[in-house]
Amino acid sequence: MKKIIIISSALLLTGIFSGCASSSSPTTPQEVRDSVGSGMFSTKKDSFVVNRPYYKVASLLQRNSNKCLNKAFKHTSTTHNGYYMQTSTDTMYYKTKFKRGRTLSTLEVKGDSDSLQSGMTSAIYGEAFKDGYFIAVVDLHNKGNKTQVDIYRGSMLMGVQEDIVNAIKNWAKTGSRSCPNIAP
């Protein structure tokens, strides 16, 4: 009887973890676009046109994202577990990649942390978060003297992630060069 319980428990945990591991987290910008386009829960696409030439918007987003969003922060949190408290420190990373073309440019904004790359998270998700997770994918389309901006993102962003998306919108709409305060 004891063997049956142990085997059943092992099979149950295998089923749970394989379900988690197979959950489809986007690993490429196209997968992010497809997830939003298919109506995946908690995703959103912001689209707008700015009355500024494509090359100016692309240059500004490339410069500002490089200067303002490639950051690392130490974050300390305290969790209350019943009768005791547990304090942990983690390092959060925000990183960007910009691909520029004649008619389309793409900005990838990703988040990552030391804890995401270690332990159970890495074991469960494997390659899904190897390079971090997507906060947003921003496409800039050349429309003559105007630029169409499409931002693919989560619909329930909060805190730093929301500040990052708002900064990108502000840069595209106003040409501002100011960096957001993204320290946690």
N, C-alpha and C. Protein backbone atom coordinates (compact mmCIF):
# COMPACT_ATOMS: atom_id res chain seq x y z
N MET A 1 0.82 -1.20 0.00
CA MET A 1 0.00 0.00 0.00
C MET A 1 0.86 1.26 0.00
N LYS A 2 1.96 1.21 0.80
CA LYS A 2 2.85 2.36 0.89
C LYS A 2 3.47 2.66 -0.48
N LYS A 3 3.86 1.58 -1.23
CA LYS A 3 4.45 1.75 -2.56
C LYS A 3 3.45 2.40 -3.51
N ILE A 4 2.20 2.02 -3.43
CA ILE A 4 1.17 2.58 -4.31
C ILE A 4 1.00 4.07 -4.04
N ILE A 5 1.01 4.47 -2.78
CA ILE A 5 0.88 5.89 -2.44
C ILE A 5 2.08 6.68 -2.97
N ILE A 6 3.28 6.14 -2.79
CA ILE A 6 4.49 6.82 -3.28
C ILE A 6 4.46 6.94 -4.80
N ILE A 7 4.13 5.86 -5.50
CA ILE A 7 4.07 5.89 -6.97
C ILE A 7 2.98 6.85 -7.43
N SER A 8 1.82 6.81 -6.80
CA SER A 8 0.73 7.73 -7.16
C SER A 8 1.14 9.18 -6.96
N SER A 9 1.82 9.46 -5.85
CA SER A 9 2.28 10.82 -5.58
C SER A 9 3.28 11.27 -6.64
N ALA A 10 4.20 10.38 -7.00
CA ALA A 10 5.20 10.72 -8.02
C ALA A 10 4.53 11.00 -9.36
N LEU A 11 3.56 10.18 -9.73
CA LEU A 11 2.85 10.39 -11.00
C LEU A 11 2.07 11.70 -10.98
N LEU A 12 1.43 12.00 -9.85
CA LEU A 12 0.68 13.24 -9.73
C LEU A 12 1.60 14.44 -9.89
N LEU A 13 2.73 14.44 -9.19
CA LEU A 13 3.68 15.55 -9.30
C LEU A 13 4.24 15.66 -10.71
N THR A 14 4.53 14.53 -11.35
CA THR A 14 5.02 14.56 -12.73
C THR A 14 3.98 15.21 -13.64
N GLY A 15 2.71 14.84 -13.45
CA GLY A 15 1.65 15.45 -14.25
C GLY A 15 1.53 16.94 -14.03
N ILE A 16 1.63 17.36 -12.77
CA ILE A 16 1.53 18.79 -12.46
C ILE A 16 2.68 19.55 -13.09
N PHE A 17 3.92 19.04 -12.90
CA PHE A 17 5.08 19.76 -13.42
C PHE A 17 5.15 19.72 -14.94
N SER A 18 4.74 18.62 -15.55
CA SER A 18 4.78 18.59 -17.01
C SER A 18 3.72 19.53 -17.57
N GLY A 19 2.62 19.69 -16.86
CA GLY A 19 1.62 20.68 -17.29
C GLY A 19 2.16 22.08 -17.22
N CYS A 20 2.90 22.37 -16.14
CA CYS A 20 3.51 23.69 -16.01
C CYS A 20 4.57 23.89 -17.07
N ALA A 21 5.36 22.84 -17.31
CA ALA A 21 6.46 22.98 -18.26
C ALA A 21 5.94 23.17 -19.67
N SER A 22 4.76 22.62 -19.96
CA SER A 22 4.27 22.75 -21.32
C SER A 22 3.45 24.02 -21.52
N SER A 23 3.23 24.78 -20.45
CA SER A 23 2.49 26.02 -20.64
C SER A 23 3.30 26.91 -21.56
N SER A 24 2.65 27.46 -22.54
CA SER A 24 3.39 28.13 -23.61
C SER A 24 3.67 29.58 -23.28
N SER A 25 4.86 29.81 -22.77
CA SER A 25 5.33 31.17 -22.55
C SER A 25 6.07 31.59 -23.81
N PRO A 26 5.76 32.76 -24.34
CA PRO A 26 6.41 33.18 -25.58
C PRO A 26 7.92 33.33 -25.41
N THR A 27 8.67 32.86 -26.40
CA THR A 27 10.13 32.96 -26.36
C THR A 27 10.68 33.81 -27.50
N THR A 28 9.82 34.24 -28.42
CA THR A 28 10.25 35.11 -29.53
C THR A 28 9.25 36.25 -29.66
N PRO A 29 9.65 37.35 -30.29
CA PRO A 29 8.69 38.45 -30.51
C PRO A 29 7.45 37.99 -31.30
N GLN A 30 7.64 37.11 -32.28
CA GLN A 30 6.49 36.65 -33.06
C GLN A 30 5.52 35.86 -32.19
N GLU A 31 6.03 35.07 -31.27
CA GLU A 31 5.15 34.33 -30.36
C GLU A 31 4.38 35.28 -29.45
N VAL A 32 5.00 36.40 -29.06
CA VAL A 32 4.29 37.41 -28.27
C VAL A 32 3.14 37.99 -29.11
N ARG A 33 3.45 38.39 -30.35
CA ARG A 33 2.41 38.94 -31.24
C ARG A 33 1.27 37.94 -31.44
N ASP A 34 1.63 36.67 -31.68
CA ASP A 34 0.62 35.63 -31.90
C ASP A 34 -0.24 35.42 -30.65
N SER A 35 0.37 35.45 -29.48
CA SER A 35 -0.38 35.27 -28.23
C SER A 35 -1.40 36.38 -28.05
N VAL A 36 -0.97 37.62 -28.29
CA VAL A 36 -1.89 38.75 -28.16
C VAL A 36 -2.97 38.66 -29.23
N GLY A 37 -2.57 38.35 -30.46
CA GLY A 37 -3.52 38.26 -31.57
C GLY A 37 -4.57 37.18 -31.39
N SER A 38 -4.21 36.10 -30.69
CA SER A 38 -5.16 35.00 -30.48
C SER A 38 -6.08 35.26 -29.29
N GLY A 39 -5.88 36.39 -28.61
CA GLY A 39 -6.73 36.72 -27.47
C GLY A 39 -6.32 36.03 -26.19
N MET A 40 -5.06 35.64 -26.08
CA MET A 40 -4.59 34.99 -24.85
C MET A 40 -4.94 35.84 -23.64
N PHE A 41 -5.38 35.18 -22.58
CA PHE A 41 -5.77 35.86 -21.35
C PHE A 41 -4.67 36.79 -20.87
N SER A 42 -5.05 37.97 -20.42
CA SER A 42 -4.15 38.93 -19.80
C SER A 42 -3.12 39.52 -20.75
N THR A 43 -3.48 39.62 -22.04
CA THR A 43 -2.59 40.28 -23.01
C THR A 43 -3.32 41.43 -23.67
N LYS A 44 -2.55 42.33 -24.25
CA LYS A 44 -3.14 43.54 -24.81
C LYS A 44 -2.24 44.10 -25.91
N LYS A 45 -2.86 44.75 -26.89
CA LYS A 45 -2.12 45.44 -27.93
C LYS A 45 -2.55 46.90 -27.92
N ASP A 46 -1.58 47.79 -27.75
CA ASP A 46 -1.82 49.23 -27.86
C ASP A 46 -1.33 49.67 -29.23
N SER A 47 -2.18 50.32 -30.00
CA SER A 47 -1.79 50.82 -31.33
C SER A 47 -2.14 52.29 -31.43
N PHE A 48 -1.20 53.05 -31.96
CA PHE A 48 -1.45 54.47 -32.20
C PHE A 48 -0.49 54.96 -33.27
N VAL A 49 -0.84 56.07 -33.89
CA VAL A 49 -0.01 56.69 -34.93
C VAL A 49 0.47 58.03 -34.40
N VAL A 50 1.77 58.29 -34.57
CA VAL A 50 2.33 59.57 -34.15
C VAL A 50 2.72 60.38 -35.39
N ASN A 51 2.57 61.68 -35.29
CA ASN A 51 2.89 62.58 -36.40
C ASN A 51 4.37 62.94 -36.38
N ARG A 52 5.19 61.91 -36.35
CA ARG A 52 6.64 62.10 -36.38
C ARG A 52 7.22 61.06 -37.33
N PRO A 53 8.24 61.43 -38.09
CA PRO A 53 8.83 60.49 -39.05
C PRO A 53 9.38 59.24 -38.37
N TYR A 54 9.27 58.15 -39.08
CA TYR A 54 9.71 56.83 -38.60
C TYR A 54 11.16 56.85 -38.10
N TYR A 55 12.06 57.40 -38.89
CA TYR A 55 13.47 57.35 -38.52
C TYR A 55 13.74 58.10 -37.21
N LYS A 56 12.98 59.17 -36.94
CA LYS A 56 13.16 59.90 -35.67
C LYS A 56 12.64 59.09 -34.49
N VAL A 57 11.48 58.49 -34.66
CA VAL A 57 10.90 57.68 -33.57
C VAL A 57 11.79 56.47 -33.30
N ALA A 58 12.24 55.80 -34.38
CA ALA A 58 13.09 54.62 -34.21
C ALA A 58 14.42 54.98 -33.54
N SER A 59 15.04 56.07 -33.97
CA SER A 59 16.31 56.50 -33.36
C SER A 59 16.15 56.80 -31.88
N LEU A 60 15.07 57.52 -31.55
CA LEU A 60 14.84 57.90 -30.15
C LEU A 60 14.56 56.67 -29.27
N LEU A 61 13.71 55.76 -29.75
CA LEU A 61 13.42 54.56 -28.95
C LEU A 61 14.67 53.70 -28.77
N GLN A 62 15.49 53.60 -29.81
CA GLN A 62 16.71 52.82 -29.70
C GLN A 62 17.65 53.45 -28.67
N ARG A 63 17.86 54.74 -28.76
CA ARG A 63 18.76 55.45 -27.84
C ARG A 63 18.22 55.41 -26.40
N ASN A 64 16.94 55.76 -26.22
CA ASN A 64 16.38 55.82 -24.87
C ASN A 64 16.28 54.44 -24.21
N SER A 65 15.89 53.43 -24.98
CA SER A 65 15.77 52.10 -24.39
C SER A 65 17.14 51.60 -23.94
N ASN A 66 18.15 51.88 -24.74
CA ASN A 66 19.52 51.49 -24.37
C ASN A 66 19.97 52.21 -23.11
N LYS A 67 19.73 53.50 -23.06
CA LYS A 67 20.19 54.33 -21.95
C LYS A 67 19.37 54.11 -20.67
N CYS A 68 18.07 53.96 -20.82
CA CYS A 68 17.17 54.00 -19.65
C CYS A 68 16.69 52.64 -19.14
N LEU A 69 16.64 51.64 -20.01
CA LEU A 69 15.97 50.40 -19.61
C LEU A 69 16.89 49.23 -19.34
N ASN A 70 18.14 49.31 -19.72
CA ASN A 70 19.09 48.22 -19.44
C ASN A 70 19.66 48.44 -18.05
N LYS A 71 18.96 47.91 -17.05
CA LYS A 71 19.31 48.17 -15.65
C LYS A 71 19.23 46.89 -14.83
N ALA A 72 19.94 46.90 -13.71
CA ALA A 72 19.87 45.81 -12.73
C ALA A 72 19.65 46.42 -11.35
N PHE A 73 18.79 45.79 -10.56
CA PHE A 73 18.48 46.29 -9.22
C PHE A 73 18.44 45.15 -8.23
N LYS A 74 18.98 45.38 -7.05
CA LYS A 74 18.82 44.43 -5.95
C LYS A 74 17.48 44.72 -5.29
N HIS A 75 16.75 43.66 -4.99
CA HIS A 75 15.42 43.79 -4.41
C HIS A 75 15.34 42.87 -3.19
N THR A 76 14.95 43.42 -2.07
CA THR A 76 14.80 42.63 -0.85
C THR A 76 13.32 42.59 -0.47
N SER A 77 12.84 41.40 -0.17
CA SER A 77 11.44 41.27 0.24
C SER A 77 11.34 40.39 1.47
N THR A 78 10.30 40.61 2.23
CA THR A 78 10.04 39.81 3.43
C THR A 78 8.69 39.14 3.28
N THR A 79 8.68 37.83 3.51
CA THR A 79 7.46 37.05 3.42
C THR A 79 7.09 36.55 4.81
N HIS A 80 5.84 36.68 5.16
CA HIS A 80 5.35 36.17 6.45
C HIS A 80 4.78 34.78 6.21
N ASN A 81 5.39 33.80 6.85
CA ASN A 81 4.94 32.41 6.74
C ASN A 81 4.53 31.92 8.12
N GLY A 82 3.27 32.07 8.43
CA GLY A 82 2.80 31.64 9.74
C GLY A 82 3.41 32.46 10.86
N TYR A 83 4.22 31.80 11.68
CA TYR A 83 4.78 32.45 12.86
C TYR A 83 6.17 33.05 12.63
N TYR A 84 6.71 32.92 11.44
CA TYR A 84 8.04 33.46 11.21
C TYR A 84 8.07 34.28 9.91
N MET A 85 9.13 35.07 9.77
CA MET A 85 9.32 35.89 8.57
C MET A 85 10.57 35.41 7.85
N GLN A 86 10.50 35.45 6.53
CA GLN A 86 11.65 35.06 5.72
C GLN A 86 12.02 36.23 4.81
N THR A 87 13.27 36.67 4.88
CA THR A 87 13.74 37.77 4.05
C THR A 87 14.63 37.20 2.95
N SER A 88 14.40 37.65 1.72
CA SER A 88 15.23 37.19 0.61
C SER A 88 15.62 38.37 -0.25
N THR A 89 16.79 38.25 -0.86
CA THR A 89 17.30 39.29 -1.75
C THR A 89 17.47 38.69 -3.13
N ASP A 90 17.05 39.43 -4.13
CA ASP A 90 17.14 38.97 -5.51
C ASP A 90 17.61 40.14 -6.37
N THR A 91 18.21 39.85 -7.49
CA THR A 91 18.58 40.90 -8.43
C THR A 91 17.66 40.82 -9.64
N MET A 92 17.02 41.93 -9.95
CA MET A 92 16.14 42.04 -11.12
C MET A 92 16.91 42.71 -12.25
N TYR A 93 16.72 42.20 -13.46
CA TYR A 93 17.38 42.76 -14.64
C TYR A 93 16.32 43.16 -15.66
N TYR A 94 16.50 44.31 -16.26
CA TYR A 94 15.66 44.73 -17.38
C TYR A 94 16.61 44.94 -18.55
N LYS A 95 16.25 44.36 -19.70
CA LYS A 95 17.15 44.43 -20.84
C LYS A 95 16.35 44.60 -22.13
N THR A 96 17.01 45.24 -23.10
CA THR A 96 16.33 45.53 -24.36
C THR A 96 17.17 45.02 -25.53
N LYS A 97 16.47 44.80 -26.63
CA LYS A 97 17.12 44.48 -27.90
C LYS A 97 16.36 45.25 -28.98
N PHE A 98 17.07 45.96 -29.83
CA PHE A 98 16.44 46.77 -30.86
C PHE A 98 16.90 46.28 -32.23
N LYS A 99 15.94 45.97 -33.11
CA LYS A 99 16.24 45.57 -34.49
C LYS A 99 15.63 46.61 -35.41
N ARG A 100 16.48 47.25 -36.19
CA ARG A 100 16.02 48.35 -37.04
C ARG A 100 16.06 47.97 -38.51
N GLY A 101 14.94 48.25 -39.18
CA GLY A 101 14.84 48.03 -40.62
C GLY A 101 14.36 49.29 -41.31
N ARG A 102 14.25 49.24 -42.62
CA ARG A 102 13.83 50.43 -43.38
C ARG A 102 12.36 50.78 -43.16
N THR A 103 11.52 49.76 -42.99
CA THR A 103 10.09 50.02 -42.81
C THR A 103 9.52 49.48 -41.50
N LEU A 104 10.29 48.66 -40.80
CA LEU A 104 9.83 48.08 -39.54
C LEU A 104 11.01 47.97 -38.58
N SER A 105 10.81 48.46 -37.37
CA SER A 105 11.78 48.28 -36.29
C SER A 105 11.07 47.63 -35.11
N THR A 106 11.80 46.82 -34.37
CA THR A 106 11.21 46.12 -33.23
C THR A 106 12.08 46.31 -32.00
N LEU A 107 11.43 46.69 -30.91
CA LEU A 107 12.08 46.80 -29.61
C LEU A 107 11.54 45.68 -28.73
N GLU A 108 12.44 44.86 -28.20
CA GLU A 108 12.07 43.82 -27.24
C GLU A 108 12.48 44.31 -25.86
N VAL A 109 11.57 44.22 -24.90
CA VAL A 109 11.88 44.57 -23.52
C VAL A 109 11.62 43.32 -22.67
N LYS A 110 12.67 42.89 -21.97
CA LYS A 110 12.56 41.68 -21.16
C LYS A 110 12.94 41.96 -19.72
N GLY A 111 12.38 41.15 -18.85
CA GLY A 111 12.74 41.17 -17.44
C GLY A 111 13.35 39.83 -17.08
N ASP A 112 14.18 39.83 -16.06
CA ASP A 112 14.84 38.61 -15.63
C ASP A 112 15.25 38.78 -14.17
N SER A 113 15.59 37.70 -13.52
CA SER A 113 16.09 37.79 -12.15
C SER A 113 16.95 36.57 -11.86
N ASP A 114 17.79 36.70 -10.85
CA ASP A 114 18.62 35.57 -10.45
C ASP A 114 17.76 34.38 -10.04
N SER A 115 16.67 34.64 -9.31
CA SER A 115 15.83 33.54 -8.84
C SER A 115 15.10 32.85 -9.99
N LEU A 116 14.81 33.58 -11.05
CA LEU A 116 14.14 32.97 -12.21
C LEU A 116 15.07 32.00 -12.92
N GLN A 117 16.37 32.25 -12.85
CA GLN A 117 17.33 31.42 -13.55
C GLN A 117 17.87 30.27 -12.71
N SER A 118 17.31 30.07 -11.53
CA SER A 118 17.82 29.01 -10.68
C SER A 118 16.68 28.22 -10.07
N GLY A 119 17.03 27.13 -9.46
CA GLY A 119 16.08 26.36 -8.66
C GLY A 119 14.91 25.79 -9.42
N MET A 120 13.77 25.73 -8.74
CA MET A 120 12.58 25.07 -9.25
C MET A 120 12.04 25.72 -10.52
N THR A 121 12.11 27.04 -10.61
CA THR A 121 11.58 27.73 -11.79
C THR A 121 12.28 27.25 -13.04
N SER A 122 13.60 27.17 -12.98
CA SER A 122 14.38 26.71 -14.12
C SER A 122 14.06 25.25 -14.44
N ALA A 123 13.90 24.43 -13.42
CA ALA A 123 13.60 23.02 -13.62
C ALA A 123 12.23 22.83 -14.26
N ILE A 124 11.26 23.64 -13.86
CA ILE A 124 9.91 23.49 -14.39
C ILE A 124 9.80 24.03 -15.81
N TYR A 125 10.30 25.23 -16.04
CA TYR A 125 10.08 25.89 -17.32
C TYR A 125 11.19 25.66 -18.33
N GLY A 126 12.34 25.17 -17.91
CA GLY A 126 13.42 24.87 -18.83
C GLY A 126 13.83 26.08 -19.66
N GLU A 127 13.72 25.95 -20.97
CA GLU A 127 14.18 26.99 -21.90
C GLU A 127 13.26 28.20 -21.98
N ALA A 128 12.04 28.09 -21.48
CA ALA A 128 11.05 29.16 -21.67
C ALA A 128 11.55 30.51 -21.16
N PHE A 129 12.25 30.52 -20.04
CA PHE A 129 12.70 31.79 -19.47
C PHE A 129 14.23 31.91 -19.48
N LYS A 130 14.88 31.17 -20.37
CA LYS A 130 16.35 31.17 -20.40
C LYS A 130 16.92 32.58 -20.55
N ASP A 131 16.29 33.40 -21.36
CA ASP A 131 16.76 34.78 -21.57
C ASP A 131 15.83 35.79 -20.93
N GLY A 132 15.05 35.39 -19.93
CA GLY A 132 14.11 36.29 -19.29
C GLY A 132 12.72 36.14 -19.88
N TYR A 133 11.83 37.00 -19.45
CA TYR A 133 10.45 36.96 -19.91
C TYR A 133 10.12 38.30 -20.58
N PHE A 134 9.21 38.27 -21.54
CA PHE A 134 8.85 39.48 -22.26
C PHE A 134 7.97 40.38 -21.40
N ILE A 135 8.34 41.65 -21.34
CA ILE A 135 7.49 42.68 -20.77
C ILE A 135 6.69 43.32 -21.90
N ALA A 136 7.36 43.55 -23.02
CA ALA A 136 6.68 44.15 -24.18
C ALA A 136 7.48 43.91 -25.45
N VAL A 137 6.76 43.87 -26.56
CA VAL A 137 7.36 43.91 -27.90
C VAL A 137 6.74 45.12 -28.58
N VAL A 138 7.60 46.01 -29.08
CA VAL A 138 7.14 47.25 -29.69
C VAL A 138 7.54 47.24 -31.16
N ASP A 139 6.54 47.35 -32.05
CA ASP A 139 6.80 47.44 -33.48
C ASP A 139 6.56 48.87 -33.95
N LEU A 140 7.51 49.40 -34.71
CA LEU A 140 7.38 50.72 -35.33
C LEU A 140 7.27 50.51 -36.83
N HIS A 141 6.21 51.05 -37.44
CA HIS A 141 5.97 50.91 -38.87
C HIS A 141 6.11 52.27 -39.56
N ASN A 142 6.87 52.29 -40.64
CA ASN A 142 7.06 53.51 -41.42
C ASN A 142 5.80 53.82 -42.21
N LYS A 143 5.19 54.96 -41.94
CA LYS A 143 3.97 55.40 -42.64
C LYS A 143 4.21 56.78 -43.25
N GLY A 144 5.31 56.92 -44.00
CA GLY A 144 5.64 58.22 -44.60
C GLY A 144 6.14 59.18 -43.55
N ASN A 145 5.44 60.29 -43.37
CA ASN A 145 5.82 61.27 -42.35
C ASN A 145 5.26 60.93 -40.97
N LYS A 146 4.64 59.78 -40.87
CA LYS A 146 4.06 59.33 -39.60
C LYS A 146 4.63 57.96 -39.24
N THR A 147 4.42 57.57 -38.00
CA THR A 147 4.88 56.26 -37.53
C THR A 147 3.75 55.57 -36.78
N GLN A 148 3.46 54.33 -37.18
CA GLN A 148 2.50 53.53 -36.43
C GLN A 148 3.26 52.76 -35.36
N VAL A 149 2.75 52.81 -34.13
CA VAL A 149 3.38 52.13 -33.00
C VAL A 149 2.42 51.05 -32.50
N ASP A 150 2.89 49.81 -32.45
CA ASP A 150 2.12 48.69 -31.90
C ASP A 150 2.90 48.13 -30.71
N ILE A 151 2.26 48.11 -29.55
CA ILE A 151 2.89 47.59 -28.33
C ILE A 151 2.12 46.36 -27.88
N TYR A 152 2.79 45.21 -27.89
CA TYR A 152 2.22 43.95 -27.45
C TYR A 152 2.72 43.71 -26.03
N ARG A 153 1.76 43.49 -25.09
CA ARG A 153 2.17 43.43 -23.69
C ARG A 153 1.11 42.73 -22.86
N GLY A 154 1.41 42.55 -21.59
CA GLY A 154 0.42 42.04 -20.66
C GLY A 154 -0.57 43.14 -20.32
N SER A 155 -1.80 42.76 -20.02
CA SER A 155 -2.83 43.78 -19.74
C SER A 155 -2.87 44.17 -18.27
N MET A 156 -2.16 43.43 -17.41
CA MET A 156 -2.21 43.73 -15.98
C MET A 156 -0.83 44.09 -15.44
N LEU A 157 -0.08 44.88 -16.20
CA LEU A 157 1.24 45.30 -15.74
C LEU A 157 1.08 46.25 -14.56
N MET A 158 2.02 46.15 -13.62
CA MET A 158 2.01 47.04 -12.47
C MET A 158 3.44 47.47 -12.18
N GLY A 159 3.57 48.53 -11.42
CA GLY A 159 4.87 48.96 -10.94
C GLY A 159 5.85 49.28 -12.05
N VAL A 160 7.04 48.71 -11.93
CA VAL A 160 8.13 49.00 -12.86
C VAL A 160 7.75 48.65 -14.30
N GLN A 161 7.10 47.52 -14.51
CA GLN A 161 6.75 47.11 -15.87
C GLN A 161 5.77 48.10 -16.51
N GLU A 162 4.83 48.59 -15.74
CA GLU A 162 3.90 49.60 -16.25
C GLU A 162 4.65 50.90 -16.55
N ASP A 163 5.59 51.27 -15.69
CA ASP A 163 6.40 52.48 -15.92
C ASP A 163 7.20 52.38 -17.21
N ILE A 164 7.73 51.19 -17.50
CA ILE A 164 8.50 50.98 -18.72
C ILE A 164 7.62 51.18 -19.95
N VAL A 165 6.45 50.56 -19.97
CA VAL A 165 5.54 50.69 -21.12
C VAL A 165 5.09 52.14 -21.28
N ASN A 166 4.77 52.81 -20.18
CA ASN A 166 4.36 54.23 -20.26
C ASN A 166 5.49 55.11 -20.78
N ALA A 167 6.73 54.81 -20.40
CA ALA A 167 7.87 55.58 -20.91
C ALA A 167 8.01 55.41 -22.42
N ILE A 168 7.85 54.18 -22.91
CA ILE A 168 7.94 53.92 -24.35
C ILE A 168 6.86 54.70 -25.10
N LYS A 169 5.64 54.68 -24.58
CA LYS A 169 4.55 55.44 -25.21
C LYS A 169 4.89 56.93 -25.23
N ASN A 170 5.39 57.45 -24.12
CA ASN A 170 5.73 58.86 -24.02
C ASN A 170 6.85 59.23 -25.00
N TRP A 171 7.87 58.40 -25.10
CA TRP A 171 8.96 58.67 -26.04
C TRP A 171 8.43 58.75 -27.47
N ALA A 172 7.59 57.79 -27.84
CA ALA A 172 7.07 57.76 -29.21
C ALA A 172 6.17 58.96 -29.49
N LYS A 173 5.31 59.30 -28.54
CA LYS A 173 4.34 60.38 -28.77
C LYS A 173 4.94 61.77 -28.68
N THR A 174 5.90 61.99 -27.78
CA THR A 174 6.37 63.35 -27.52
C THR A 174 7.81 63.62 -27.94
N GLY A 175 8.59 62.58 -28.14
CA GLY A 175 10.00 62.78 -28.44
C GLY A 175 10.84 63.05 -27.20
N SER A 176 10.26 62.83 -26.03
CA SER A 176 10.97 63.07 -24.77
C SER A 176 12.19 62.16 -24.66
N ARG A 177 13.24 62.67 -24.03
CA ARG A 177 14.45 61.88 -23.81
C ARG A 177 14.62 61.52 -22.34
N SER A 178 13.62 61.81 -21.52
CA SER A 178 13.76 61.55 -20.08
C SER A 178 13.57 60.07 -19.77
N CYS A 179 14.32 59.61 -18.79
CA CYS A 179 14.26 58.21 -18.36
C CYS A 179 13.24 58.06 -17.23
N PRO A 180 12.49 56.95 -17.23
CA PRO A 180 11.56 56.72 -16.12
C PRO A 180 12.33 56.26 -14.89
N ASN A 181 11.75 56.44 -13.73
CA ASN A 181 12.34 55.92 -12.50
C ASN A 181 11.88 54.48 -12.36
N ILE A 182 12.74 53.54 -12.73
CA ILE A 182 12.32 52.14 -12.70
C ILE A 182 12.95 51.35 -11.55
N ALA A 183 13.53 52.05 -10.60
CA ALA A 183 14.05 51.35 -9.42
C ALA A 183 12.88 50.88 -8.57
N PRO A 184 12.92 49.61 -8.11
CA PRO A 184 11.79 49.11 -7.31
C PRO A 184 11.69 49.79 -5.96
